Amino acid sequence: MNTKRLLLNCDMGESFGPWQMGMDEHAMPLVDMANIACGFHASDPLTMTRTVLLANQHQTRIGAHPSYPDLAGFGRRSLQCTPKEITAMVQYQVGALNGICRARGVDVSYVKPHGALYNDMMRDDSILRAVLTALAHDSKPLPLMLLARADNEKTQRLADEFKVPLLFEAFADRAYDEQGFLVARNLEGAVYQDPEKIMAQSLLLAKEGLIETVNGHRLQLAVDTLCVHGDNAESVQVLQRLRTALDQLYASQSPTA
């Protein structure tokens, strides 16, 4: 039995101007951590401000969600950026969200890259180093959220070199390959739509720290947080079920239960 409490994180603030995306008002009360878009793949200053205020209202931890500069592709396309460019763009986006937070008396508490930047840093050490460099410039670096794999030793060693804390995450609705990577979105079955499958994967992680790969093998993962989605009515319903199930699970594990 896994006794570590699994925190729920969710991508938020992804509207842009008059274009609305997501159901942040419904999802925010159900999660522990909000990954707020910083303007490069989605969002704008007013959307960021509204999302920060909503997170603060529900005492949800605020994370910066930087990406490649790719509004048209929603940050899901890999761009040929140099390490220096990646460092600068991450600092720029985190700084923008941090400025909005400080004006409202709250803080950014971690950083989770978005989309292609997230996937690229997991496969390319030079990109991961560029992201770590962006965070290491602070006197007290923000934790970096990244993908938990069966073997995190190399990633942890790199982060330790930069003195950047790590938060390891898994995904409730994504398929995994045998190495613990997410299956590419353009492949069939990469994103789960079945609520029961999403619940099963989430609870297996919460109870046993295990993930089942596309080939039916099980991988042990050391996970701090689980990424969930709340961008439509169906996903919010699944999120509500998962929140209830996790609360009941942890209540049953409490010494006073």
Protein backbone atom coordinates (compact mmCIF):
# COMPACT_ATOMS: atom_id res chain seq x y z
CA MET A 1 0.00 0.00 0.00
CA ASN A 2 1.33 3.43 -0.97
CA THR A 3 1.04 5.73 2.07
CA LYS A 4 2.20 8.93 0.37
CA ARG A 5 -0.58 11.43 -0.26
CA LEU A 6 -0.97 12.08 -3.98
CA LEU A 7 -1.63 15.74 -4.82
CA LEU A 8 -3.80 16.61 -7.83
CA ASN A 9 -2.56 19.19 -10.34
CA CYS A 10 -4.42 20.67 -13.29
CA ASP A 11 -3.61 23.00 -16.20
CA MET A 12 -5.51 26.26 -15.78
CA GLY A 13 -5.88 29.75 -17.20
CA GLU A 14 -5.72 28.65 -20.83
CA SER A 15 -8.27 31.07 -22.23
CA PHE A 16 -7.05 33.85 -24.51
CA GLY A 17 -8.84 37.18 -24.86
CA PRO A 18 -12.48 36.51 -25.77
CA TRP A 19 -11.71 32.83 -26.54
CA GLN A 20 -12.66 30.70 -23.55
CA MET A 21 -11.18 27.33 -22.70
CA GLY A 22 -11.61 25.14 -19.68
CA MET A 23 -13.89 25.05 -16.66
CA ASP A 24 -11.50 26.52 -14.13
CA GLU A 25 -14.21 27.65 -11.71
CA HIS A 26 -15.42 24.06 -11.37
CA ALA A 27 -12.01 22.35 -11.36
CA MET A 28 -10.12 24.69 -9.04
CA PRO A 29 -11.86 23.64 -5.78
CA LEU A 30 -11.06 19.99 -6.54
CA VAL A 31 -7.29 20.19 -7.06
CA ASP A 32 -4.26 20.95 -4.91
CA MET A 33 -2.09 22.63 -7.54
CA ALA A 34 -2.93 24.89 -10.50
CA ASN A 35 -0.52 25.06 -13.45
CA ILE A 36 -1.25 28.54 -14.82
CA ALA A 37 -0.45 29.30 -18.47
CA CYS A 38 1.93 32.23 -18.87
CA GLY A 39 1.02 33.64 -22.27
CA PHE A 40 3.21 31.68 -24.71
CA HIS A 41 0.84 28.78 -25.52
CA ALA A 42 -2.33 30.29 -24.05
CA SER A 43 -3.58 32.99 -21.68
CA ASP A 44 -3.06 36.73 -21.40
CA PRO A 45 -2.41 39.11 -18.47
CA LEU A 46 -6.07 39.44 -17.50
CA THR A 47 -6.70 35.69 -17.71
CA MET A 48 -3.59 35.06 -15.63
CA THR A 49 -4.80 37.55 -13.02
CA ARG A 50 -8.27 36.01 -12.83
CA THR A 51 -6.79 32.52 -12.48
CA VAL A 52 -4.40 33.61 -9.74
CA LEU A 53 -7.29 35.15 -7.79
CA LEU A 54 -9.37 31.99 -8.27
CA ALA A 55 -6.52 29.80 -7.03
CA ASN A 56 -5.99 32.03 -4.01
CA GLN A 57 -9.70 31.90 -3.22
CA HIS A 58 -9.55 28.10 -2.98
CA GLN A 59 -6.07 27.97 -1.37
CA THR A 60 -4.71 26.09 -4.35
CA ARG A 61 -0.94 26.17 -4.87
CA ILE A 62 0.07 28.23 -7.90
CA GLY A 63 2.54 26.92 -10.47
CA ALA A 64 3.91 28.60 -13.58
CA HIS A 65 3.18 26.69 -16.81
CA PRO A 66 5.67 28.02 -19.40
CA SER A 67 5.97 26.75 -22.96
CA TYR A 68 7.50 27.32 -26.34
CA PRO A 69 6.15 30.53 -28.01
CA ASP A 70 3.42 28.71 -29.94
CA LEU A 71 -0.08 30.13 -29.53
CA ALA A 72 -1.26 28.68 -32.85
CA GLY A 73 -0.11 25.18 -31.91
CA PHE A 74 -1.07 25.42 -28.24
CA GLY A 75 2.55 24.73 -27.32
CA ARG A 76 2.39 21.17 -28.59
CA ARG A 77 4.94 21.62 -31.39
CA SER A 78 8.66 21.29 -30.76
CA LEU A 79 10.54 24.41 -31.80
CA GLN A 80 14.22 24.63 -32.65
CA CYS A 81 15.28 26.88 -29.80
CA THR A 82 18.78 27.18 -28.39
CA PRO A 83 19.38 26.42 -24.70
CA LYS A 84 19.91 30.14 -24.04
CA GLU A 85 16.56 30.92 -25.69
CA ILE A 86 14.81 28.28 -23.60
CA THR A 87 16.36 29.61 -20.38
CA ALA A 88 15.30 33.15 -21.25
CA MET A 89 11.74 32.23 -22.27
CA VAL A 90 11.17 30.22 -19.10
CA GLN A 91 12.48 33.07 -16.93
CA TYR A 92 10.33 35.56 -18.84
CA GLN A 93 7.12 33.56 -18.34
CA VAL A 94 7.74 32.66 -14.71
CA GLY A 95 8.61 36.29 -14.03
CA ALA A 96 5.37 37.50 -15.61
CA LEU A 97 3.22 35.20 -13.47
CA ASN A 98 5.30 35.98 -10.39
CA GLY A 99 4.71 39.70 -10.90
CA ILE A 100 0.95 39.19 -11.06
CA CYS A 101 1.07 36.94 -7.97
CA ARG A 102 3.11 39.36 -5.89
CA ALA A 103 0.73 42.20 -6.72
CA ARG A 104 -2.03 40.06 -5.17
CA GLY A 105 -0.01 38.95 -2.15
CA VAL A 106 0.54 35.35 -3.26
CA ASP A 107 3.50 33.37 -4.57
CA VAL A 108 4.41 31.04 -7.41
CA SER A 109 5.38 27.80 -5.67
CA TYR A 110 6.66 25.60 -8.54
CA VAL A 111 7.17 25.43 -12.31
CA LYS A 112 5.77 22.86 -14.73
CA PRO A 113 6.67 23.26 -18.42
CA HIS A 114 3.86 22.69 -20.90
CA GLY A 115 3.37 20.42 -23.88
CA ALA A 116 6.30 19.98 -26.26
CA LEU A 117 8.73 21.77 -23.95
CA TYR A 118 7.84 19.32 -21.17
CA ASN A 119 8.27 16.29 -23.43
CA ASP A 120 11.48 17.62 -24.99
CA MET A 121 13.17 18.25 -21.65
CA MET A 122 12.43 14.67 -20.62
CA ARG A 123 14.23 13.33 -23.70
CA ASP A 124 17.02 15.87 -24.19
CA ASP A 125 19.40 16.70 -21.33
CA SER A 126 20.46 19.98 -22.96
CA ILE A 127 16.84 21.21 -22.82
CA LEU A 128 16.39 20.01 -19.25
CA ARG A 129 19.61 21.81 -18.32
CA ALA A 130 18.30 24.99 -19.96
CA VAL A 131 15.10 24.81 -17.87
CA LEU A 132 17.05 24.06 -14.69
CA THR A 133 19.36 26.99 -15.45
CA ALA A 134 16.33 29.29 -15.64
CA LEU A 135 15.22 28.25 -12.14
CA ALA A 136 18.68 28.04 -10.57
CA HIS A 137 19.25 31.80 -10.91
CA ASP A 138 16.97 32.45 -7.93
CA SER A 139 18.46 32.38 -4.44
CA LYS A 140 15.78 29.84 -3.51
CA PRO A 141 14.93 27.96 -6.74
CA LEU A 142 11.34 26.96 -7.36
CA PRO A 143 10.71 23.21 -7.63
CA LEU A 144 10.45 21.82 -11.15
CA MET A 145 7.58 19.43 -11.88
CA LEU A 146 8.43 16.72 -14.38
CA LEU A 147 7.56 13.20 -15.44
CA ALA A 148 8.12 10.39 -12.96
CA ARG A 149 9.77 7.38 -14.57
CA ALA A 150 10.81 3.94 -13.39
CA ASP A 151 14.35 5.29 -12.90
CA ASN A 152 14.63 8.94 -11.85
CA GLU A 153 18.30 8.74 -10.83
CA LYS A 154 19.73 10.59 -13.84
CA THR A 155 17.12 13.33 -13.68
CA GLN A 156 17.62 13.75 -9.95
CA ARG A 157 21.39 13.96 -10.41
CA LEU A 158 21.00 16.77 -12.94
CA ALA A 159 18.61 18.68 -10.70
CA ASP A 160 20.94 18.28 -7.73
CA GLU A 161 23.73 19.79 -9.81
CA PHE A 162 21.62 22.96 -10.17
CA LYS A 163 20.21 22.72 -6.60
CA VAL A 164 16.66 22.72 -8.00
CA PRO A 165 14.07 20.62 -6.08
CA LEU A 166 11.93 18.24 -8.13
CA LEU A 167 8.26 17.27 -8.04
CA PHE A 168 7.57 14.02 -9.87
CA GLU A 169 4.21 13.61 -11.57
CA ALA A 170 2.15 11.01 -13.36
CA PHE A 171 -0.87 11.43 -15.62
CA ALA A 172 -4.38 10.18 -14.99
CA ASP A 173 -5.48 10.02 -18.64
CA ARG A 174 -2.33 9.26 -20.66
CA ALA A 175 -0.95 5.96 -21.89
CA TYR A 176 2.61 4.98 -20.93
CA ASP A 177 5.27 3.09 -22.87
CA GLU A 178 7.71 0.55 -21.41
CA GLN A 179 10.30 3.22 -20.51
CA GLY A 180 7.77 5.24 -18.54
CA PHE A 181 7.37 7.93 -21.21
CA LEU A 182 3.96 9.19 -22.30
CA VAL A 183 2.74 7.74 -25.59
CA ALA A 184 2.73 10.48 -28.25
CA ARG A 185 -0.64 12.20 -28.61
CA ASN A 186 -0.80 11.45 -32.35
CA LEU A 187 -0.92 7.70 -31.68
CA GLU A 188 -4.19 5.88 -31.16
CA GLY A 189 -5.05 5.30 -27.52
CA ALA A 190 -2.52 7.83 -26.20
CA VAL A 191 -5.20 9.83 -24.37
CA TYR A 192 -7.80 7.98 -22.33
CA GLN A 193 -11.42 9.04 -22.74
CA ASP A 194 -13.07 6.29 -20.70
CA PRO A 195 -13.78 7.60 -17.17
CA GLU A 196 -13.39 4.12 -15.69
CA LYS A 197 -9.95 3.70 -17.22
CA ILE A 198 -8.88 7.09 -15.88
CA MET A 199 -10.14 6.21 -12.41
CA ALA A 200 -8.45 2.81 -12.48
CA GLN A 201 -5.08 4.26 -13.49
CA SER A 202 -5.31 7.01 -10.87
CA LEU A 203 -6.25 4.70 -8.01
CA LEU A 204 -3.58 2.14 -8.92
CA LEU A 205 -1.04 4.95 -8.58
CA ALA A 206 -2.54 6.24 -5.35
CA LYS A 207 -2.78 2.84 -3.68
CA GLU A 208 0.27 0.99 -5.00
CA GLY A 209 2.48 3.52 -6.82
CA LEU A 210 2.13 1.53 -10.05
CA ILE A 211 1.34 2.39 -13.67
CA GLU A 212 0.31 -0.11 -16.34
CA THR A 213 2.01 0.29 -19.72
CA VAL A 214 0.39 -0.11 -23.15
CA ASN A 215 1.81 -3.67 -23.25
CA GLY A 216 0.28 -4.61 -19.93
CA HIS A 217 3.44 -4.44 -17.82
CA ARG A 218 3.50 -2.60 -14.52
CA LEU A 219 6.08 0.03 -13.61
CA GLN A 220 6.77 1.27 -10.09
CA LEU A 221 6.74 5.07 -9.97
CA ALA A 222 7.67 7.41 -7.12
CA VAL A 223 5.05 10.11 -7.64
CA ASP A 224 4.31 13.35 -5.78
CA THR A 225 1.41 14.57 -7.88
CA LEU A 226 -1.11 13.38 -10.45
CA CYS A 227 -2.05 15.51 -13.46
CA VAL A 228 -5.78 15.62 -14.12
CA HIS A 229 -7.95 17.63 -16.51
CA GLY A 230 -11.01 19.76 -15.96
CA ASP A 231 -11.53 21.40 -19.32
CA ASN A 232 -15.02 19.98 -20.04
CA ALA A 233 -18.06 18.79 -18.11
CA GLU A 234 -17.11 15.11 -18.45
CA SER A 235 -13.58 15.63 -17.15
CA VAL A 236 -14.86 17.68 -14.21
CA GLN A 237 -17.19 14.81 -13.29
CA VAL A 238 -14.27 12.38 -13.34
CA LEU A 239 -12.20 14.84 -11.29
CA GLN A 240 -14.98 15.07 -8.70
CA ARG A 241 -15.12 11.26 -8.46
CA LEU A 242 -11.36 11.05 -8.12
CA ARG A 243 -11.23 13.78 -5.45
CA THR A 244 -13.87 11.93 -3.43
CA ALA A 245 -12.11 8.57 -3.84
CA LEU A 246 -8.72 9.96 -2.79
CA ASP A 247 -10.17 11.79 0.20
CA GLN A 248 -11.84 8.56 1.34
CA LEU A 249 -8.63 6.57 0.77
CA TYR A 250 -6.48 8.93 2.83
CA ALA A 251 -9.13 9.24 5.54
CA SER A 252 -9.08 5.45 5.90
CA GLN A 253 -5.29 5.50 6.25
CA SER A 254 -5.36 8.13 8.98
CA PRO A 255 -4.37 6.86 12.44
CA THR A 256 -7.57 8.35 13.85
CA ALA A 257 -9.80 6.70 11.22
